Amino acid sequence: MYRISDKKWRKTIPTQLTGYLSTPDLKDRLKNELKSIVSEYDDLILAEGPPQKVHWAQNIWFNPQIIQFASIKEAALKLRELGKLWSFYPYKSIRRGTLISEKLPYFSPKPLIFPNIPPKTPLGSWTLLDENTILASTLCSSSFAQGIPLFKESKTPPSRAYLKLWEALTLAECFPKPGESCLEVGASPGSWTWVLQSLGAHVTAVDRAALDPSIANLPNVTCLKKDAFSISPSDFPNLDWILSDLICYPEKLLTWVKQWLDINAKVNFICTLKFQGDGNDEIIQEFEKIEGSRIIHLFHNKHELTWIKVQN
């Protein structure tokens, strides 16, 4: 494996590259998914060929370009010619990269106010591989810098788990509407319930543990203190949303999900997949076979994945 700045590597640069940006604690999982890795720059991994289907990348850089430059002014000029807005990924020569950034159009994203949809303005990503070499992509999979959505946070919910649901709904660009009916399993202590209730939905929160009283006593919240898997689809035939942050094996969750789909194929789902170890590729594929669904890694997921099936 060579680095782009190595002369020997430059002679064998593939015709197409794709960059995959991870977070430090998930890099090994991402590498296990990827084929034809050619180079690594901290958490940015370059692989030969078109984009591969991966789950553990925070952001994907499509068709990154190698740009040689002699001065800070020249570097900024070349980036300006390629695109309007850029996010700098610090790897090497960070001070020099900061000086280049200062000569680009000003980019300082404000925290997103929930509920809202992701920004639609294309955001390019770039980094310095050495003092005179830029790696830049004008198109990335995420419209957030480094693929990280930042929200204007709240101190109201009992845990920070609400950020997972905020992020999932934001990326899905679909939100429970006032009056819609939601079943949430694994609800305690109530952060997801708080999100759903704040959107005006009616929430049935199921958990063997009690919800935080400040959440349980909110309007339009019904608490059921019982095992989630004891809930029958026939008890809730007209649901709009089913949500789960339940600690359980994904295989068990899949069986449970399919029971609900058998009676209501149009119900919306947001489910956290919690793995033992590095994850199970087979169960991920089984979830992805469900029509109209996808699996993504959220920044606020940590070592989990999220399965999303919504009717946009």
Protein backbone atom coordinates (compact mmCIF):
# COMPACT_ATOMS: atom_id res chain seq x y z
CA MET A 1 0.00 0.00 0.00
CA TYR A 2 1.36 3.38 -1.03
CA ARG A 3 0.42 6.95 -0.27
CA ILE A 4 -0.53 9.35 -3.04
CA SER A 5 2.46 11.49 -2.18
CA ASP A 6 4.78 8.55 -2.89
CA LYS A 7 6.28 8.81 -6.39
CA LYS A 8 6.00 5.06 -6.92
CA TRP A 9 2.28 5.19 -6.11
CA ARG A 10 1.64 8.07 -8.50
CA LYS A 11 2.67 5.87 -11.43
CA THR A 12 -0.06 3.35 -10.62
CA ILE A 13 -3.00 5.57 -9.59
CA PRO A 14 -6.28 3.76 -10.41
CA THR A 15 -8.59 5.35 -12.99
CA GLN A 16 -11.29 5.72 -10.33
CA LEU A 17 -11.06 6.17 -6.57
CA THR A 18 -13.64 6.53 -3.83
CA GLY A 19 -12.95 7.87 -0.36
CA TYR A 20 -14.61 6.53 2.78
CA LEU A 21 -14.45 8.58 5.97
CA SER A 22 -14.99 6.79 9.25
CA THR A 23 -14.78 7.67 12.91
CA PRO A 24 -11.69 6.37 14.75
CA ASP A 25 -13.49 3.64 16.71
CA LEU A 26 -15.27 2.27 13.63
CA LYS A 27 -12.42 2.28 11.14
CA ASP A 28 -11.71 -1.45 11.44
CA ARG A 29 -15.37 -2.29 10.78
CA LEU A 30 -15.31 -0.11 7.67
CA LYS A 31 -12.09 -1.71 6.44
CA ASN A 32 -13.65 -5.15 6.82
CA GLU A 33 -16.44 -4.06 4.46
CA LEU A 34 -14.20 -2.58 1.79
CA LYS A 35 -12.43 -4.24 -1.10
CA SER A 36 -9.43 -2.94 -3.04
CA ILE A 37 -8.15 -0.53 -0.39
CA VAL A 38 -5.22 1.41 -1.81
CA SER A 39 -4.36 3.99 0.84
CA GLU A 40 -5.28 5.30 4.30
CA TYR A 41 -5.05 8.77 5.78
CA ASP A 42 -6.07 8.48 9.42
CA ASP A 43 -9.84 7.86 9.19
CA LEU A 44 -10.06 8.48 5.43
CA ILE A 45 -9.71 5.29 3.39
CA LEU A 46 -9.27 5.27 -0.39
CA ALA A 47 -10.43 2.26 -2.37
CA GLU A 48 -10.20 1.54 -6.06
CA GLY A 49 -13.31 1.64 -8.22
CA PRO A 50 -16.83 3.08 -7.92
CA PRO A 51 -18.58 3.47 -4.55
CA GLN A 52 -19.04 0.22 -2.66
CA LYS A 53 -22.02 -0.58 -0.48
CA VAL A 54 -20.85 0.01 3.08
CA HIS A 55 -22.57 0.72 6.39
CA TRP A 56 -19.85 2.07 8.65
CA ALA A 57 -18.73 5.13 6.64
CA GLN A 58 -19.61 8.54 8.07
CA ASN A 59 -19.16 10.18 4.67
CA ILE A 60 -18.24 8.98 1.18
CA TRP A 61 -16.09 11.06 -1.16
CA PHE A 62 -17.07 10.40 -4.79
CA ASN A 63 -14.38 10.60 -7.48
CA PRO A 64 -11.78 12.47 -5.42
CA GLN A 65 -9.20 14.41 -7.41
CA ILE A 66 -5.51 14.90 -6.78
CA ILE A 67 -4.45 18.54 -7.03
CA GLN A 68 -0.85 19.73 -6.98
CA PHE A 69 -0.14 23.33 -5.98
CA ALA A 70 2.80 25.57 -5.15
CA SER A 71 1.24 28.20 -2.89
CA ILE A 72 -1.68 28.75 -0.55
CA LYS A 73 -3.20 31.19 -3.04
CA GLU A 74 -2.95 28.68 -5.87
CA ALA A 75 -4.51 25.92 -3.73
CA ALA A 76 -7.50 28.11 -2.86
CA LEU A 77 -7.90 29.21 -6.48
CA LYS A 78 -7.99 25.60 -7.72
CA LEU A 79 -10.56 24.61 -5.11
CA ARG A 80 -12.70 27.66 -5.95
CA GLU A 81 -12.68 26.59 -9.60
CA LEU A 82 -14.07 23.19 -8.65
CA GLY A 83 -16.82 24.16 -6.21
CA LYS A 84 -18.39 26.78 -3.97
CA LEU A 85 -18.53 25.27 -0.48
CA TRP A 86 -15.81 23.11 1.04
CA SER A 87 -15.26 21.24 4.28
CA PHE A 88 -11.64 20.75 5.33
CA TYR A 89 -10.72 17.36 6.78
CA PRO A 90 -7.54 17.85 8.85
CA TYR A 91 -4.90 15.19 8.22
CA LYS A 92 -1.48 16.67 7.47
CA SER A 93 -0.14 20.24 7.36
CA ILE A 94 -3.18 21.38 9.32
CA ARG A 95 -1.98 24.96 9.78
CA ARG A 96 -1.40 25.27 6.03
CA GLY A 97 -4.82 23.76 5.39
CA THR A 98 -6.42 26.29 7.73
CA LEU A 99 -4.79 29.15 5.80
CA ILE A 100 -6.15 27.74 2.54
CA SER A 101 -9.62 27.44 4.09
CA GLU A 102 -9.54 31.09 5.04
CA LYS A 103 -9.25 32.00 1.35
CA LEU A 104 -12.28 29.91 0.38
CA PRO A 105 -15.93 31.03 0.61
CA TYR A 106 -16.88 31.25 4.27
CA PHE A 107 -18.36 28.02 5.61
CA SER A 108 -19.50 27.82 9.22
CA PRO A 109 -22.61 25.64 9.52
CA LYS A 110 -25.05 26.48 12.29
CA PRO A 111 -26.50 23.69 14.43
CA LEU A 112 -29.64 22.29 12.82
CA ILE A 113 -32.91 23.07 14.58
CA PHE A 114 -35.09 19.96 14.78
CA PRO A 115 -37.35 19.15 12.97
CA ASN A 116 -35.71 20.14 9.73
CA ILE A 117 -34.29 18.54 6.61
CA PRO A 118 -30.57 18.37 5.74
CA PRO A 119 -29.07 21.29 3.81
CA LYS A 120 -29.39 20.87 0.04
CA THR A 121 -26.35 22.91 -1.00
CA PRO A 122 -23.61 20.53 -2.22
CA LEU A 123 -20.66 20.40 0.14
CA GLY A 124 -17.26 19.28 -1.08
CA SER A 125 -14.55 17.74 1.10
CA TRP A 126 -10.81 18.13 0.88
CA THR A 127 -7.63 17.39 2.79
CA LEU A 128 -3.90 17.95 2.49
CA LEU A 129 -1.85 14.81 1.92
CA ASP A 130 1.35 16.84 2.15
CA GLU A 131 2.32 20.52 1.83
CA ASN A 132 1.72 20.57 -1.93
CA THR A 133 -0.92 17.90 -2.55
CA ILE A 134 -4.69 18.19 -2.12
CA LEU A 135 -7.17 15.36 -2.27
CA ALA A 136 -10.60 16.84 -3.01
CA SER A 137 -14.10 15.61 -3.81
CA THR A 138 -16.76 18.01 -5.09
CA LEU A 139 -19.55 15.53 -4.28
CA CYS A 140 -20.01 13.60 -1.04
CA SER A 141 -22.72 11.34 0.36
CA SER A 142 -23.44 13.73 3.23
CA SER A 143 -24.29 17.42 3.16
CA PHE A 144 -22.80 17.78 6.64
CA ALA A 145 -19.12 18.48 7.30
CA GLN A 146 -17.34 15.14 7.85
CA GLY A 147 -20.80 13.56 7.67
CA ILE A 148 -21.62 14.76 11.19
CA PRO A 149 -25.01 16.44 11.73
CA LEU A 150 -24.88 18.92 14.56
CA PHE A 151 -28.12 19.89 16.28
CA LYS A 152 -29.16 22.65 18.61
CA GLU A 153 -29.45 20.34 21.59
CA SER A 154 -32.06 20.18 24.34
CA LYS A 155 -31.60 19.59 28.07
CA THR A 156 -35.18 18.39 28.52
CA PRO A 157 -35.01 14.64 27.68
CA PRO A 158 -33.63 12.23 30.29
CA SER A 159 -30.79 10.95 28.09
CA ARG A 160 -28.88 11.90 24.94
CA ALA A 161 -30.48 9.01 23.05
CA TYR A 162 -32.93 11.53 21.59
CA LEU A 163 -30.14 12.64 19.23
CA LYS A 164 -30.22 9.24 17.52
CA LEU A 165 -33.87 9.66 16.64
CA TRP A 166 -33.41 13.30 15.65
CA GLU A 167 -30.64 12.25 13.26
CA ALA A 168 -32.56 9.26 11.83
CA LEU A 169 -35.70 11.30 11.13
CA THR A 170 -33.66 14.18 9.70
CA LEU A 171 -31.78 11.94 7.27
CA ALA A 172 -35.00 10.12 6.35
CA GLU A 173 -36.60 13.53 5.73
CA CYS A 174 -39.79 12.16 7.23
CA PHE A 175 -41.32 13.02 10.62
CA PRO A 176 -44.33 11.78 12.59
CA LYS A 177 -47.20 14.18 12.07
CA PRO A 178 -49.51 15.61 14.75
CA GLY A 179 -52.12 13.04 15.66
CA GLU A 180 -50.28 10.07 14.17
CA SER A 181 -50.03 6.90 16.25
CA CYS A 182 -46.60 5.65 17.34
CA LEU A 183 -45.60 2.45 19.13
CA GLU A 184 -42.20 2.69 20.76
CA VAL A 185 -40.58 -0.38 22.32
CA GLY A 186 -37.60 -0.26 24.64
CA ALA A 187 -38.80 3.23 25.54
CA SER A 188 -37.25 3.76 28.99
CA PRO A 189 -36.15 6.29 30.17
CA GLY A 190 -38.16 8.13 27.52
CA SER A 191 -35.95 10.25 25.27
CA TRP A 192 -37.44 8.89 22.03
CA THR A 193 -40.94 9.22 23.52
CA TRP A 194 -40.15 12.88 24.21
CA VAL A 195 -39.17 13.41 20.55
CA LEU A 196 -42.35 11.80 19.22
CA GLN A 197 -44.61 13.61 21.68
CA SER A 198 -42.95 16.93 20.87
CA LEU A 199 -43.93 16.41 17.22
CA GLY A 200 -47.57 16.07 18.24
CA ALA A 201 -47.82 12.30 17.85
CA HIS A 202 -49.70 9.92 20.15
CA VAL A 203 -47.15 7.55 21.71
CA THR A 204 -47.58 4.15 23.31
CA ALA A 205 -44.29 3.60 25.14
CA VAL A 206 -43.50 -0.02 26.02
CA ASP A 207 -40.78 -1.14 28.42
CA ARG A 208 -40.43 -3.34 31.48
CA ALA A 209 -38.66 -0.41 33.14
CA ALA A 210 -40.56 2.75 34.01
CA LEU A 211 -40.23 5.93 32.01
CA ASP A 212 -38.91 9.06 33.63
CA PRO A 213 -41.97 10.70 35.29
CA SER A 214 -41.37 13.94 33.41
CA ILE A 215 -41.91 12.01 30.16
CA ALA A 216 -44.56 9.54 31.31
CA ASN A 217 -46.84 12.38 32.41
CA LEU A 218 -46.72 14.27 29.12
CA PRO A 219 -49.96 14.61 27.10
CA ASN A 220 -50.58 11.92 24.45
CA VAL A 221 -48.21 9.43 26.12
CA THR A 222 -49.46 6.01 27.21
CA CYS A 223 -47.06 3.74 29.11
CA LEU A 224 -47.20 -0.06 29.04
CA LYS A 225 -44.90 -1.72 31.54
CA LYS A 226 -44.37 -5.07 29.83
CA ASP A 227 -42.11 -7.11 27.54
CA ALA A 228 -42.06 -5.57 24.06
CA PHE A 229 -42.21 -8.96 22.37
CA SER A 230 -45.44 -9.77 24.17
CA ILE A 231 -47.16 -7.01 22.18
CA SER A 232 -49.34 -8.43 19.41
CA PRO A 233 -49.87 -6.71 16.04
CA SER A 234 -53.58 -7.35 16.45
CA ASP A 235 -53.53 -5.01 19.48
CA PHE A 236 -52.43 -2.07 17.31
CA PRO A 237 -53.81 -2.58 13.79
CA ASN A 238 -53.67 1.08 12.69
CA LEU A 239 -50.22 2.29 13.64
CA ASP A 240 -48.39 4.96 11.65
CA TRP A 241 -44.97 4.41 13.24
CA ILE A 242 -43.09 1.64 15.04
CA LEU A 243 -39.83 2.59 16.72
CA SER A 244 -37.32 0.49 18.62
CA ASP A 245 -34.17 1.28 20.55
CA LEU A 246 -34.59 -2.04 22.31
CA ILE A 247 -31.57 -4.02 23.52
CA CYS A 248 -32.05 -7.38 21.80
CA TYR A 249 -30.53 -9.63 19.17
CA PRO A 250 -31.21 -8.28 15.64
CA GLU A 251 -32.46 -11.73 14.61
CA LYS A 252 -35.22 -11.55 17.21
CA LEU A 253 -36.09 -8.02 16.19
CA LEU A 254 -36.35 -9.05 12.52
CA THR A 255 -38.85 -11.81 13.31
CA TRP A 256 -40.90 -9.35 15.35
CA VAL A 257 -40.79 -6.67 12.62
CA LYS A 258 -42.03 -9.08 9.97
CA GLN A 259 -45.09 -9.90 12.07
CA TRP A 260 -46.11 -6.25 11.97
CA LEU A 261 -45.40 -5.90 8.26
CA ASP A 262 -47.71 -8.84 7.57
CA ILE A 263 -50.69 -6.80 8.79
CA ASN A 264 -49.54 -3.27 7.88
CA ALA A 265 -47.01 -2.97 5.06
CA LYS A 266 -47.24 0.83 5.09
CA VAL A 267 -46.21 1.39 8.70
CA ASN A 268 -43.05 3.48 9.17
CA PHE A 269 -40.11 1.96 11.07
CA ILE A 270 -37.04 3.33 12.83
CA CYS A 271 -35.15 0.51 14.57
CA THR A 272 -31.71 0.39 16.15
CA LEU A 273 -29.73 -2.77 15.40
CA LYS A 274 -27.51 -3.66 18.33
CA PHE A 275 -24.80 -6.22 17.64
CA GLN A 276 -22.66 -8.55 19.68
CA GLY A 277 -19.09 -8.02 18.44
CA ASP A 278 -18.50 -6.61 14.95
CA GLY A 279 -21.95 -7.25 13.55
CA ASN A 280 -23.66 -9.90 11.46
CA ASP A 281 -23.57 -9.36 7.70
CA GLU A 282 -26.29 -11.94 7.10
CA ILE A 283 -28.86 -10.30 9.36
CA ILE A 284 -28.01 -6.89 7.88
CA GLN A 285 -28.77 -8.29 4.44
CA GLU A 286 -32.06 -9.77 5.66
CA PHE A 287 -33.21 -6.40 6.96
CA GLU A 288 -32.19 -4.74 3.69
CA LYS A 289 -34.30 -7.21 1.70
CA ILE A 290 -37.42 -5.56 3.15
CA GLU A 291 -38.78 -3.39 0.36
CA GLY A 292 -38.36 0.35 0.75
CA SER A 293 -35.89 0.13 3.62
CA ARG A 294 -32.23 0.91 4.21
CA ILE A 295 -29.61 0.56 6.91
CA ILE A 296 -27.32 3.43 7.85
CA HIS A 297 -24.83 4.28 10.53
CA LEU A 298 -25.72 7.41 12.44
CA PHE A 299 -23.07 9.59 14.02
CA HIS A 300 -24.99 9.26 17.28
CA ASN A 301 -25.28 5.47 16.86
CA LYS A 302 -21.76 4.69 18.07
CA HIS A 303 -21.43 0.91 17.52
CA GLU A 304 -25.00 0.40 16.27
CA LEU A 305 -26.75 0.60 12.93
CA THR A 306 -30.22 1.94 12.24
CA TRP A 307 -32.82 0.33 10.00
CA ILE A 308 -35.20 2.84 8.40
CA LYS A 309 -38.36 2.17 6.44
CA VAL A 310 -40.53 5.22 5.83
CA GLN A 311 -43.18 6.33 3.38
CA ASN A 312 -41.91 9.66 2.02
